[in-house]
Amino acid sequence: MIKMKWNLVNPIIILTFFEFHPEIVVGHNVLPVYVAVNHKTLTVIERQVKEGLAGISSGEMEKIVIAYEPVWAIGTGKTATPEQAQEAQFFVRNWIKKSYGGLADGIRILYGGSVKPGNASDLLAQPDIDGALIGGASLKIESFCEIIAIAKKITEEGK
C-alpha cells in the first residue's frame, strides 16, 4: 500500500514498512534555501517531520526511514554542502530523539539532493547521513554502481 500526503513540494519523505508494504508520507510546503540551513529552514523541517510522524507509535518508528531533500535541490542538479546536509539531518535526528528517545540512533535518515559519484563520499561520510535517496544518477548504471561502491566502502570503514 502506498499512501502519500502531497501539497506543493515534498522534501521530507517518511517511509514505513508494515507487513512488507511501504507507506509513504510526504511532507509539505518548503521554502527554497540556497545558501545555508537557517532558523527558518529548521522551523519548516520541524513542522514537516512533526506532521509526517503524527500518530506514529514508538513501535512503528523502528520501521521508519526518513529522507530529506532540500526543495531547491529537486531536479536542479544543485547539492547542499556536506555541512549543510549534516546540519539538517542532525536537526531531524535530534527532533526524533526528543520525541521518541533512544530510537533516534537506529532510525535511518537519508539525504537526497543531486547525489552523484562526485559528492557521494563527502555526503555519506557525515555522521547523521545514513544513506542517499538517488534521483537522476540512478538512471545511469555506471553512476549508480559507483555510488553503491562508495557507500559500501564507507560502511566497511566503519562509519
Protein backbone atom coordinates (compact mmCIF):
# COMPACT_ATOMS: atom_id res chain seq x y z
CA MET A 1 0.00 0.00 0.00
CA ILE A 2 1.35 3.44 -0.88
CA LYS A 3 -0.15 6.46 0.81
CA MET A 4 1.00 9.98 0.09
CA LYS A 5 0.30 13.35 1.63
CA TRP A 6 1.02 15.80 -1.14
CA ASN A 7 0.94 19.55 -1.33
CA LEU A 8 3.33 21.77 -3.28
CA VAL A 9 6.77 20.36 -2.60
CA ASN A 10 7.95 17.18 -0.96
CA PRO A 11 11.40 17.32 0.64
CA ILE A 12 10.67 15.18 3.70
CA ILE A 13 9.74 11.63 2.85
CA ILE A 14 8.97 9.17 5.59
CA LEU A 15 8.94 5.54 4.55
CA THR A 16 7.46 2.96 6.83
CA PHE A 17 7.41 -0.75 6.33
CA PHE A 18 4.39 -2.61 7.65
CA GLU A 19 3.96 -6.22 6.56
CA PHE A 20 6.34 -5.54 3.65
CA HIS A 21 4.07 -2.82 2.23
CA PRO A 22 5.67 0.62 2.13
CA GLU A 23 3.63 3.56 3.30
CA ILE A 24 4.99 6.87 2.13
CA VAL A 25 4.12 10.09 3.86
CA VAL A 26 5.43 13.13 2.02
CA GLY A 27 6.00 16.49 3.68
CA HIS A 28 4.51 19.81 2.74
CA ASN A 29 5.44 23.30 1.50
CA VAL A 30 9.11 24.08 1.90
CA LEU A 31 10.64 27.42 1.14
CA PRO A 32 13.77 27.39 -1.02
CA VAL A 33 17.05 27.93 0.80
CA TYR A 34 20.08 28.49 -1.42
CA VAL A 35 22.88 29.32 0.96
CA ALA A 36 22.69 27.77 4.39
CA VAL A 37 20.46 25.93 6.77
CA ASN A 38 18.98 28.69 8.91
CA HIS A 39 16.34 29.07 11.62
CA LYS A 40 13.51 29.39 9.09
CA THR A 41 14.64 26.23 7.31
CA LEU A 42 14.80 24.31 10.58
CA THR A 43 11.34 25.58 11.56
CA VAL A 44 9.93 24.24 8.28
CA ILE A 45 11.75 20.93 8.64
CA GLU A 46 10.44 20.58 12.19
CA ARG A 47 6.87 21.18 11.05
CA GLN A 48 7.24 18.64 8.25
CA VAL A 49 8.70 15.94 10.46
CA LYS A 50 6.08 16.58 13.15
CA GLU A 51 3.24 16.34 10.60
CA GLY A 52 4.78 13.36 8.81
CA LEU A 53 5.23 11.39 12.02
CA ALA A 54 1.93 12.37 13.64
CA GLY A 55 0.28 9.28 15.03
CA ILE A 56 3.35 7.06 14.59
CA SER A 57 3.96 4.94 17.69
CA SER A 58 7.38 4.04 19.07
CA GLY A 59 6.93 0.50 17.75
CA GLU A 60 6.15 1.76 14.28
CA MET A 61 9.01 4.25 14.48
CA GLU A 62 11.50 1.38 14.48
CA LYS A 63 10.40 0.60 10.91
CA ILE A 64 10.78 4.12 9.58
CA VAL A 65 13.27 5.52 7.08
CA ILE A 66 13.32 9.29 6.60
CA ALA A 67 14.69 11.04 3.52
CA TYR A 68 15.45 14.76 3.46
CA GLU A 69 15.93 16.70 0.24
CA PRO A 70 16.17 20.48 0.10
CA VAL A 71 13.45 21.84 -2.16
CA TRP A 72 15.97 23.83 -4.18
CA ALA A 73 17.83 20.61 -4.99
CA ILE A 74 14.84 18.83 -6.52
CA GLY A 75 15.53 18.45 -10.24
CA THR A 76 18.11 21.26 -10.28
CA GLY A 77 21.39 19.37 -10.07
CA LYS A 78 22.34 21.50 -7.05
CA THR A 79 23.56 19.82 -3.89
CA ALA A 80 23.83 21.05 -0.33
CA THR A 81 27.31 21.14 1.05
CA PRO A 82 28.10 18.18 3.29
CA GLU A 83 27.95 20.57 6.26
CA GLN A 84 24.51 21.91 5.28
CA ALA A 85 23.17 18.40 4.75
CA GLN A 86 24.63 17.25 8.07
CA GLU A 87 23.06 20.17 9.93
CA ALA A 88 19.60 19.36 8.56
CA GLN A 89 20.00 15.63 9.20
CA PHE A 90 21.27 16.28 12.75
CA PHE A 91 18.26 18.50 13.39
CA VAL A 92 15.87 15.75 12.23
CA ARG A 93 17.63 13.13 14.37
CA ASN A 94 17.55 15.44 17.41
CA TRP A 95 13.83 16.06 16.92
CA ILE A 96 13.26 12.30 16.82
CA LYS A 97 15.41 11.89 19.96
CA LYS A 98 13.29 14.46 21.82
CA SER A 99 10.07 12.83 20.66
CA TYR A 100 10.96 9.12 20.68
CA GLY A 101 14.05 8.87 22.89
CA GLY A 102 16.69 6.25 22.20
CA LEU A 103 15.09 5.11 18.96
CA ALA A 104 16.63 8.08 17.13
CA ASP A 105 20.05 6.49 16.78
CA GLY A 106 18.56 3.48 14.98
CA ILE A 107 16.44 5.48 12.54
CA ARG A 108 17.90 5.70 9.05
CA ILE A 109 17.92 9.23 7.69
CA LEU A 110 18.78 9.52 4.01
CA TYR A 111 19.89 12.59 2.11
CA GLY A 112 18.53 13.29 -1.34
CA GLY A 113 19.52 16.24 -3.46
CA SER A 114 21.58 15.58 -6.57
CA VAL A 115 23.72 12.87 -5.01
CA LYS A 116 26.31 11.87 -7.60
CA PRO A 117 29.56 9.90 -7.62
CA GLY A 118 31.49 13.17 -7.24
CA ASN A 119 29.80 14.18 -3.96
CA ALA A 120 28.53 10.88 -2.52
CA SER A 121 31.65 10.19 -0.46
CA ASP A 122 31.61 13.57 1.31
CA LEU A 123 27.86 13.41 1.93
CA LEU A 124 27.76 9.80 3.11
CA ALA A 125 30.72 10.36 5.45
CA GLN A 126 28.61 12.75 7.56
CA PRO A 127 27.62 11.23 10.92
CA ASP A 128 23.85 11.75 10.54
CA ILE A 129 23.54 10.81 6.87
CA ASP A 130 22.74 7.10 6.84
CA GLY A 131 22.26 6.72 3.10
CA ALA A 132 21.21 8.50 -0.03
CA LEU A 133 17.99 8.92 -1.95
CA ILE A 134 19.33 8.71 -5.50
CA GLY A 135 17.45 10.51 -8.27
CA GLY A 136 18.89 11.16 -11.71
CA ALA A 137 22.17 9.36 -11.02
CA SER A 138 20.19 6.12 -10.61
CA LEU A 139 19.21 6.32 -14.29
CA LYS A 140 22.84 5.88 -15.37
CA ILE A 141 24.02 2.43 -14.36
CA GLU A 142 27.69 3.44 -14.13
CA SER A 143 26.90 6.37 -11.83
CA PHE A 144 24.54 4.35 -9.68
CA CYS A 145 27.05 1.49 -9.31
CA GLU A 146 29.78 3.97 -8.40
CA ILE A 147 27.59 5.48 -5.65
CA ILE A 148 26.85 1.98 -4.34
CA ALA A 149 30.58 1.20 -4.26
CA ILE A 150 31.27 4.46 -2.38
CA ALA A 151 28.54 3.68 0.18
CA LYS A 152 29.87 0.14 0.62
CA LYS A 153 33.41 1.41 1.19
CA ILE A 154 32.27 3.96 3.78
CA THR A 155 30.23 1.28 5.57
CA GLU A 156 33.16 -1.15 5.58
CA GLU A 157 35.42 1.57 7.00
CA GLY A 158 33.10 1.70 10.00
CA LYS A 159 31.03 4.84 9.65
